[in-house]
Protein backbone atom coordinates (compact mmCIF):
# COMPACT_ATOMS: atom_id res chain seq x y z
CA MET A 1 27.04 121.77 -58.88
CA ALA A 2 28.43 118.91 -56.77
CA LYS A 3 26.64 120.26 -53.71
CA ALA A 4 23.32 120.22 -55.51
CA VAL A 5 23.77 116.59 -56.57
CA HIS A 6 24.66 115.54 -52.99
CA ARG A 7 21.61 117.38 -51.60
CA SER A 8 19.37 115.60 -54.12
CA ARG A 9 20.68 112.15 -53.16
CA ARG A 10 20.16 112.84 -49.46
CA MET A 11 16.56 113.90 -50.04
CA ARG A 12 15.86 110.72 -51.99
CA ALA A 13 17.28 108.57 -49.11
CA VAL A 14 15.12 110.40 -46.54
CA PHE A 15 12.03 109.90 -48.70
CA ALA A 16 12.74 106.14 -49.09
CA PHE A 17 13.20 105.69 -45.33
CA ALA A 18 9.92 107.48 -44.60
CA LEU A 19 8.13 105.31 -47.13
CA LEU A 20 9.48 102.09 -45.54
CA ALA A 21 8.48 103.26 -42.05
CA SER A 22 4.97 104.04 -43.27
CA LEU A 23 4.58 100.62 -44.90
CA SER A 24 5.86 98.83 -41.75
CA SER A 25 3.40 100.77 -39.57
CA CYS A 26 0.48 99.82 -41.84
CA LYS A 27 1.49 96.15 -41.83
CA LYS A 28 1.70 96.10 -38.01
CA LYS A 29 -1.76 97.67 -37.74
CA ASP A 30 -3.15 95.03 -40.12
CA GLU A 31 -1.55 92.21 -38.07
CA ASP A 32 -2.90 93.62 -34.79
CA THR A 33 -6.35 93.90 -36.30
CA ALA A 34 -6.15 90.35 -37.62
CA SER A 35 -5.02 88.98 -34.24
CA LYS A 36 -7.89 90.67 -32.45
CA ALA A 37 -10.46 89.30 -34.90
CA PRO A 38 -11.88 85.85 -33.85
CA SER A 39 -10.54 82.91 -35.90
CA THR A 40 -13.76 80.84 -35.61
CA PRO A 41 -17.12 81.80 -34.18
CA PRO A 42 -18.24 80.12 -30.91
CA VAL A 43 -20.28 76.93 -31.25
CA LYS A 44 -23.50 76.42 -29.32
CA VAL A 45 -23.45 73.19 -27.28
CA ASP A 46 -25.45 71.67 -24.44
CA LEU A 47 -23.59 71.68 -21.16
CA ILE A 48 -24.17 69.86 -17.88
CA VAL A 49 -22.76 70.32 -14.39
CA ALA A 50 -21.02 67.38 -12.73
CA ALA A 51 -23.13 66.47 -9.69
CA GLU A 52 -21.97 64.36 -6.78
CA ALA A 53 -23.72 61.12 -5.88
CA PRO A 54 -22.84 57.82 -4.14
CA SER A 55 -21.14 55.45 -6.59
CA PRO A 56 -20.00 51.86 -6.05
CA ASP A 57 -16.50 50.99 -4.90
CA VAL A 58 -15.45 48.14 -7.17
CA LEU A 59 -12.76 45.59 -6.31
CA THR A 60 -11.24 44.15 -9.49
CA LEU A 61 -9.79 40.63 -9.28
CA THR A 62 -8.55 38.07 -11.79
CA GLY A 63 -8.90 34.31 -11.94
CA THR A 64 -9.37 31.27 -14.14
CA ILE A 65 -12.66 29.56 -14.89
CA ALA A 66 -12.68 26.03 -13.47
CA ALA A 67 -15.02 23.05 -13.51
CA ASP A 68 -17.06 22.14 -10.45
CA GLN A 69 -15.42 18.66 -10.47
CA ARG A 70 -12.39 17.33 -12.34
CA SER A 71 -11.10 13.76 -12.19
CA GLU A 72 -8.38 11.76 -13.88
CA VAL A 73 -10.10 8.38 -14.02
CA THR A 74 -7.71 5.45 -13.57
CA ALA A 75 -7.85 1.67 -13.86
CA ASP A 76 -8.33 -0.43 -10.72
CA THR A 77 -7.13 -3.64 -12.36
CA GLN A 78 -4.70 -4.70 -15.06
CA GLY A 79 -5.45 -5.93 -18.54
CA LYS A 80 -5.37 -5.15 -22.23
CA VAL A 81 -7.75 -2.51 -23.56
CA ILE A 82 -10.31 -4.22 -25.81
CA ALA A 83 -12.77 -1.31 -26.16
CA VAL A 84 -12.68 2.49 -25.77
CA LEU A 85 -16.27 3.69 -25.58
CA VAL A 86 -15.80 7.49 -25.39
CA GLU A 87 -14.07 10.25 -27.36
CA ARG A 88 -12.75 13.67 -26.38
CA GLY A 89 -15.60 16.16 -26.00
CA GLN A 90 -18.24 13.49 -25.42
CA ARG A 91 -20.66 13.90 -22.53
CA VAL A 92 -21.34 10.95 -20.24
CA LYS A 93 -23.63 10.15 -17.33
CA MET A 94 -22.50 8.71 -14.00
CA GLY A 95 -22.11 4.95 -14.37
CA ASP A 96 -21.76 4.95 -18.16
CA PRO A 97 -19.08 2.43 -19.36
CA VAL A 98 -16.10 4.20 -20.91
CA VAL A 99 -13.29 1.61 -21.20
CA ARG A 100 -13.39 -2.20 -21.28
CA LEU A 101 -10.38 -4.34 -20.31
CA ASP A 102 -9.67 -7.99 -21.16
CA VAL A 103 -10.36 -9.88 -17.90
CA ARG A 104 -10.55 -13.44 -19.22
CA THR A 105 -7.58 -14.49 -17.09
CA ALA A 106 -9.27 -13.03 -14.03
CA ALA A 107 -12.44 -14.94 -14.91
CA LEU A 108 -10.49 -18.23 -14.93
CA SER A 109 -8.92 -17.30 -11.59
CA ALA A 110 -12.39 -16.58 -10.26
CA ARG A 111 -13.54 -20.07 -11.17
CA GLU A 112 -10.54 -21.54 -9.40
CA ALA A 113 -11.13 -19.36 -6.33
CA GLN A 114 -14.78 -20.39 -6.22
CA ALA A 115 -13.81 -24.09 -6.32
CA ASN A 116 -11.33 -23.57 -3.49
CA LEU A 117 -14.03 -21.77 -1.50
CA GLU A 118 -16.46 -24.69 -1.88
CA ALA A 119 -13.76 -27.14 -0.78
CA ALA A 120 -12.99 -25.01 2.29
CA ARG A 121 -16.67 -24.87 3.18
CA ALA A 122 -16.85 -28.69 3.00
CA GLN A 123 -13.83 -28.92 5.27
CA LYS A 124 -15.47 -26.43 7.62
CA GLN A 125 -18.61 -28.56 7.85
CA LEU A 126 -16.54 -31.68 8.60
CA ALA A 127 -14.51 -29.78 11.20
CA GLU A 128 -17.65 -28.55 12.96
CA GLU A 129 -18.93 -32.15 13.24
CA GLU A 130 -15.58 -33.30 14.62
CA CYS A 131 -15.64 -30.51 17.19
CA LYS A 132 -19.10 -31.59 18.37
CA ARG A 133 -17.98 -35.23 18.79
CA THR A 134 -14.84 -34.13 20.57
CA GLN A 135 -16.89 -32.07 23.02
CA THR A 136 -19.09 -35.12 23.73
CA LEU A 137 -16.04 -37.33 24.36
CA LEU A 138 -14.55 -34.73 26.66
CA ASP A 139 -17.78 -34.52 28.65
CA LYS A 140 -17.75 -38.30 29.09
CA GLY A 141 -14.07 -38.31 30.07
CA ALA A 142 -13.11 -40.41 27.07
CA ILE A 143 -10.37 -38.00 25.97
CA THR A 144 -8.01 -35.70 27.74
CA ARG A 145 -8.17 -31.90 27.76
CA SER A 146 -5.03 -31.68 25.59
CA GLU A 147 -6.61 -33.88 22.90
CA TYR A 148 -9.74 -31.70 22.99
CA ASP A 149 -7.69 -28.49 22.65
CA ARG A 150 -5.77 -29.95 19.68
CA GLN A 151 -9.03 -30.79 17.89
CA ALA A 152 -10.55 -27.37 18.69
CA THR A 153 -7.50 -25.65 17.19
CA GLN A 154 -7.94 -27.58 13.96
CA CYS A 155 -11.59 -26.50 13.83
CA THR A 156 -10.60 -22.84 14.24
CA ALA A 157 -7.94 -23.15 11.51
CA THR A 158 -10.51 -24.65 9.16
CA LEU A 159 -12.87 -21.71 9.77
CA GLN A 160 -10.07 -19.24 8.97
CA GLN A 161 -9.31 -21.10 5.73
CA VAL A 162 -12.91 -20.58 4.67
CA SER A 163 -12.64 -16.82 5.39
CA ALA A 164 -9.41 -16.61 3.36
CA ALA A 165 -10.96 -18.47 0.43
CA GLN A 166 -14.01 -16.18 0.54
CA ALA A 167 -11.82 -13.04 0.48
CA ARG A 168 -9.81 -14.44 -2.43
CA ALA A 169 -12.96 -15.14 -4.41
CA ASP A 170 -14.38 -11.67 -3.66
CA LEU A 171 -11.12 -10.00 -4.75
CA ILE A 172 -11.04 -11.80 -8.08
CA THR A 173 -14.74 -11.08 -8.65
CA LYS A 174 -14.05 -7.37 -8.07
CA SER A 175 -11.17 -7.39 -10.57
CA ILE A 176 -13.57 -8.80 -13.15
CA SER A 177 -16.10 -6.01 -12.53
CA ASP A 178 -13.25 -3.45 -12.56
CA GLY A 179 -12.48 -4.53 -16.10
CA LEU A 180 -15.39 -2.33 -17.18
CA VAL A 181 -14.42 1.24 -16.21
CA ARG A 182 -17.37 3.56 -15.59
CA ALA A 183 -17.78 7.35 -15.34
CA PRO A 184 -17.74 8.45 -11.67
CA PHE A 185 -20.05 11.45 -12.29
CA ASP A 186 -21.88 13.34 -15.03
CA GLY A 187 -19.50 15.37 -17.16
CA GLN A 188 -17.53 15.85 -20.35
CA VAL A 189 -14.46 13.93 -21.48
CA THR A 190 -11.69 16.50 -21.98
CA GLU A 191 -8.73 14.14 -22.45
CA LYS A 192 -8.41 10.53 -23.62
CA SER A 193 -5.15 8.89 -22.54
CA VAL A 194 -5.60 5.28 -23.70
CA ALA A 195 -5.93 3.49 -27.04
CA LEU A 196 -7.20 0.13 -28.16
CA GLY A 197 -4.73 -2.71 -27.54
CA GLU A 198 -2.71 -0.98 -24.81
CA TRP A 199 -1.86 -2.80 -21.62
CA VAL A 200 -2.84 -0.89 -18.50
CA ALA A 201 -2.06 -1.45 -14.85
CA PRO A 202 -3.80 -0.21 -11.69
CA GLY A 203 -3.36 3.54 -11.31
CA ARG A 204 -2.94 4.23 -15.03
CA THR A 205 -4.93 7.31 -16.16
CA LEU A 206 -7.45 6.39 -18.85
CA PHE A 207 -9.27 9.68 -19.43
CA THR A 208 -10.02 13.05 -17.81
CA LEU A 209 -13.59 13.95 -16.91
CA VAL A 210 -14.86 17.41 -15.89
CA ASP A 211 -18.23 18.49 -14.57
CA ASP A 212 -18.81 21.97 -16.04
CA ASP A 213 -22.28 22.50 -14.62
CA PRO A 214 -21.91 24.78 -12.82
CA LEU A 215 -18.60 26.49 -13.53
CA LYS A 216 -16.71 28.33 -10.83
CA ILE A 217 -13.89 30.83 -10.50
CA GLU A 218 -11.30 31.06 -7.74
CA LEU A 219 -10.28 34.61 -6.78
CA SER A 220 -7.43 35.82 -4.57
CA VAL A 221 -8.77 38.67 -2.43
CA PRO A 222 -6.11 41.03 -0.95
CA GLU A 223 -5.89 41.09 2.82
CA ALA A 224 -7.12 44.70 3.01
CA ALA A 225 -10.41 43.80 1.28
CA VAL A 226 -11.13 40.49 3.03
CA ARG A 227 -13.79 41.97 5.34
CA SER A 228 -15.71 43.32 2.34
CA ILE A 229 -16.32 39.88 0.81
CA GLN A 230 -19.28 37.86 2.03
CA LYS A 231 -20.92 34.60 0.96
CA GLY A 232 -23.83 35.28 -1.41
CA GLN A 233 -22.26 38.48 -2.81
CA LYS A 234 -22.77 39.14 -6.52
CA VAL A 235 -19.79 39.13 -8.91
CA GLU A 236 -19.63 40.46 -12.47
CA LEU A 237 -17.25 38.69 -14.85
CA SER A 238 -15.75 39.46 -18.24
CA ALA A 239 -13.67 36.92 -20.16
CA VAL A 240 -10.80 37.65 -22.52
CA ALA A 241 -12.24 35.11 -24.97
CA GLN A 242 -15.63 36.90 -25.03
CA PRO A 243 -14.88 40.65 -25.32
CA GLY A 244 -17.74 43.02 -24.68
CA LYS A 245 -19.84 40.47 -22.79
CA THR A 246 -20.45 40.23 -19.06
CA TYR A 247 -21.50 37.30 -16.90
CA THR A 248 -22.70 37.00 -13.33
CA ALA A 249 -21.62 34.80 -10.46
CA THR A 250 -22.27 34.45 -6.74
CA VAL A 251 -19.69 34.01 -3.98
CA SER A 252 -20.29 30.44 -2.81
CA ARG A 253 -17.25 29.66 -0.63
CA VAL A 254 -14.92 31.86 1.41
CA GLY A 255 -11.55 30.52 2.55
CA GLY A 256 -10.74 30.13 6.22
CA GLU A 257 -7.25 31.62 6.30
CA ILE A 258 -4.96 34.10 4.56
CA GLY A 259 -2.15 32.38 2.68
CA ARG A 260 1.50 33.26 2.20
CA THR A 261 0.58 35.66 -0.61
CA ARG A 262 -1.40 37.71 1.96
CA SER A 263 -4.64 36.97 0.17
CA LEU A 264 -7.79 34.95 0.83
CA ILE A 265 -9.10 32.40 -1.68
CA VAL A 266 -12.75 33.01 -2.56
CA GLU A 267 -14.80 30.79 -4.85
CA ALA A 268 -17.71 32.13 -6.92
CA THR A 269 -20.22 29.97 -8.82
CA LEU A 270 -21.25 31.19 -12.27
CA ASP A 271 -24.88 31.53 -13.25
CA PRO A 272 -26.00 29.21 -16.08
CA GLN A 273 -24.54 30.11 -19.50
CA LYS A 274 -23.16 28.29 -22.56
CA GLU A 275 -20.19 30.38 -23.70
CA LEU A 276 -17.48 29.99 -21.05
CA VAL A 277 -15.42 26.82 -20.64
CA PRO A 278 -12.93 25.69 -17.98
CA GLY A 279 -9.47 27.21 -18.32
CA MET A 280 -10.57 30.63 -19.62
CA PHE A 281 -8.99 33.70 -18.01
CA ALA A 282 -11.53 36.13 -16.54
CA GLU A 283 -11.69 39.46 -14.72
CA ALA A 284 -14.09 39.74 -11.79
CA ARG A 285 -15.58 42.90 -10.32
CA VAL A 286 -17.10 42.93 -6.83
CA VAL A 287 -18.91 45.92 -5.29
CA VAL A 288 -17.49 46.38 -1.77
CA GLY A 289 -18.97 49.77 -0.76
CA GLN A 290 -20.01 53.26 -1.89
CA THR A 291 -18.22 56.62 -2.07
CA PRO A 292 -19.57 60.07 -3.17
CA ARG A 293 -18.06 60.95 -6.57
CA PRO A 294 -18.86 63.22 -9.55
CA VAL A 295 -21.55 61.54 -11.67
CA VAL A 296 -22.39 62.51 -15.29
CA PRO A 297 -24.50 61.05 -18.09
CA ALA A 298 -22.80 58.29 -20.08
CA THR A 299 -22.97 60.53 -23.18
CA ALA A 300 -20.68 63.09 -21.51
CA VAL A 301 -17.65 60.81 -21.90
CA ALA A 302 -16.30 59.15 -25.03
CA ARG A 303 -13.68 56.50 -25.61
CA ARG A 304 -11.02 57.51 -28.09
CA GLY A 305 -8.43 54.83 -28.50
CA LYS A 306 -7.85 53.19 -25.12
CA LEU A 307 -8.68 56.27 -23.01
CA TRP A 308 -11.89 57.95 -21.88
CA HIS A 309 -12.28 61.68 -22.59
CA ALA A 310 -14.54 64.43 -21.24
CA PHE A 311 -14.59 68.07 -22.37
CA VAL A 312 -14.65 70.65 -19.57
CA VAL A 313 -15.54 74.30 -20.24
CA GLN A 314 -12.98 76.82 -19.00
CA LYS A 315 -13.30 80.53 -19.94
CA GLY A 316 -15.50 79.73 -22.90
CA GLU A 317 -13.19 77.06 -24.37
CA LEU A 318 -13.29 73.27 -24.25
CA HIS A 319 -10.43 71.47 -22.55
CA ASP A 320 -9.96 67.76 -23.29
CA GLN A 321 -9.70 65.90 -19.99
CA ILE A 322 -8.59 62.26 -19.81
CA VAL A 323 -10.82 60.68 -17.17
CA GLN A 324 -11.13 57.41 -15.33
CA VAL A 325 -14.71 56.22 -15.24
CA GLY A 326 -16.50 53.87 -12.87
CA PRO A 327 -19.95 52.35 -12.39
CA ALA A 328 -23.00 54.43 -11.49
CA PRO A 329 -26.79 54.18 -11.78
CA GLU A 330 -28.09 53.12 -15.20
CA GLY A 331 -27.35 55.65 -17.94
CA GLN A 332 -24.65 57.38 -15.94
CA VAL A 333 -20.98 56.98 -15.09
CA SER A 334 -18.97 58.07 -12.08
CA ILE A 335 -15.72 59.95 -12.58
CA LEU A 336 -12.93 58.50 -10.49
CA GLN A 337 -10.33 60.96 -11.75
CA GLY A 338 -10.18 63.95 -14.12
CA VAL A 339 -13.40 65.86 -13.31
CA ASN A 340 -14.48 67.59 -10.09
CA LYS A 341 -17.88 68.29 -8.63
CA GLY A 342 -19.36 71.45 -10.18
CA ASP A 343 -17.33 71.34 -13.41
CA LYS A 344 -19.22 72.20 -16.61
CA LEU A 345 -18.95 69.54 -19.29
CA VAL A 346 -20.27 68.94 -22.78
CA ALA A 347 -23.46 66.93 -22.35
CA LYS A 348 -22.96 64.83 -25.48
CA VAL A 349 -19.50 64.22 -26.92
CA THR A 350 -19.41 63.83 -30.72
CA GLU A 351 -16.67 63.79 -33.34
CA GLN A 352 -17.05 67.56 -33.77
CA ILE A 353 -16.18 68.20 -30.11
CA ILE A 354 -12.44 68.91 -29.97
CA ASP A 355 -9.93 70.50 -27.60
CA GLY A 356 -9.80 74.31 -27.74
CA LEU A 357 -13.23 74.77 -29.39
CA ARG A 358 -14.90 78.03 -28.34
CA VAL A 359 -18.44 77.40 -27.14
CA VAL A 360 -21.54 79.08 -25.80
CA GLU A 361 -24.34 77.47 -23.85
């Protein structure tokens, strides 16, 4: 009886093991079948082949926008400010009065100097007559040579007194005219450094004037690229203060020597525009040559975040490639890095184009 019970238990264990093995085999077959079945069907997309074409070599430089002329206008005479005729931001023409100083004391001094000048001229006339009479007496032998020389010296001294009095009068007259400070050139007042009632002395800055027509930018060109920069070359600018906009300039001056920083100072003049002002930081791009590179339509790359992406086809799947793009003919971009000549790319990148997507042409 005990043997029969043991045999029955063993048969049940064998049956259970066989059942588990059968279930495991079925599950493995189902998993293998599922893995072989495609997860998503291929998507039909338009593809293009990266062709090679000459593309510009661009030298990128940085600089600051500056005015064509900038001057800190100072006083040439002393006096109290009795009128300030300009304000910050105001535009003025060359010769326009901007500051008036109190020169009444100088005017009184001018009257005194003019009176002294007239007196010296009268003395000069008298001295000239005396010199003529002295010459006549010398010719007749009525006076000695020493007496003649003494009188001639007095005549010369009188002439010099007239010259000194004239210079004094001219100097005081100039100080009166300097009491009205004028703009030295056409421009815009960017800083006013004086107020009504202040006392100013010669050399004191009254206001700052800039001529912003045209604007210019100074660029430091590395020594290796100096030979590629020529006068008259076109420059493309973009300013931090005006994102998304570009401006044009022309190289107008090229420095004569390389400085301690191993760079050459180049000045470019901006074309007429109304948005940039002196002091703005700008990035300049200058085309210095051409190099054959892969060129694709602009639609074949897309900016996602701060990086440019292209999608290259490899074995029927898309691979997201981070690329560095450069300038090319209109409607196209050159690929500086990330794509090679002959690669197949998605012709138009959209939001549905993602890494790993299975595609067909």
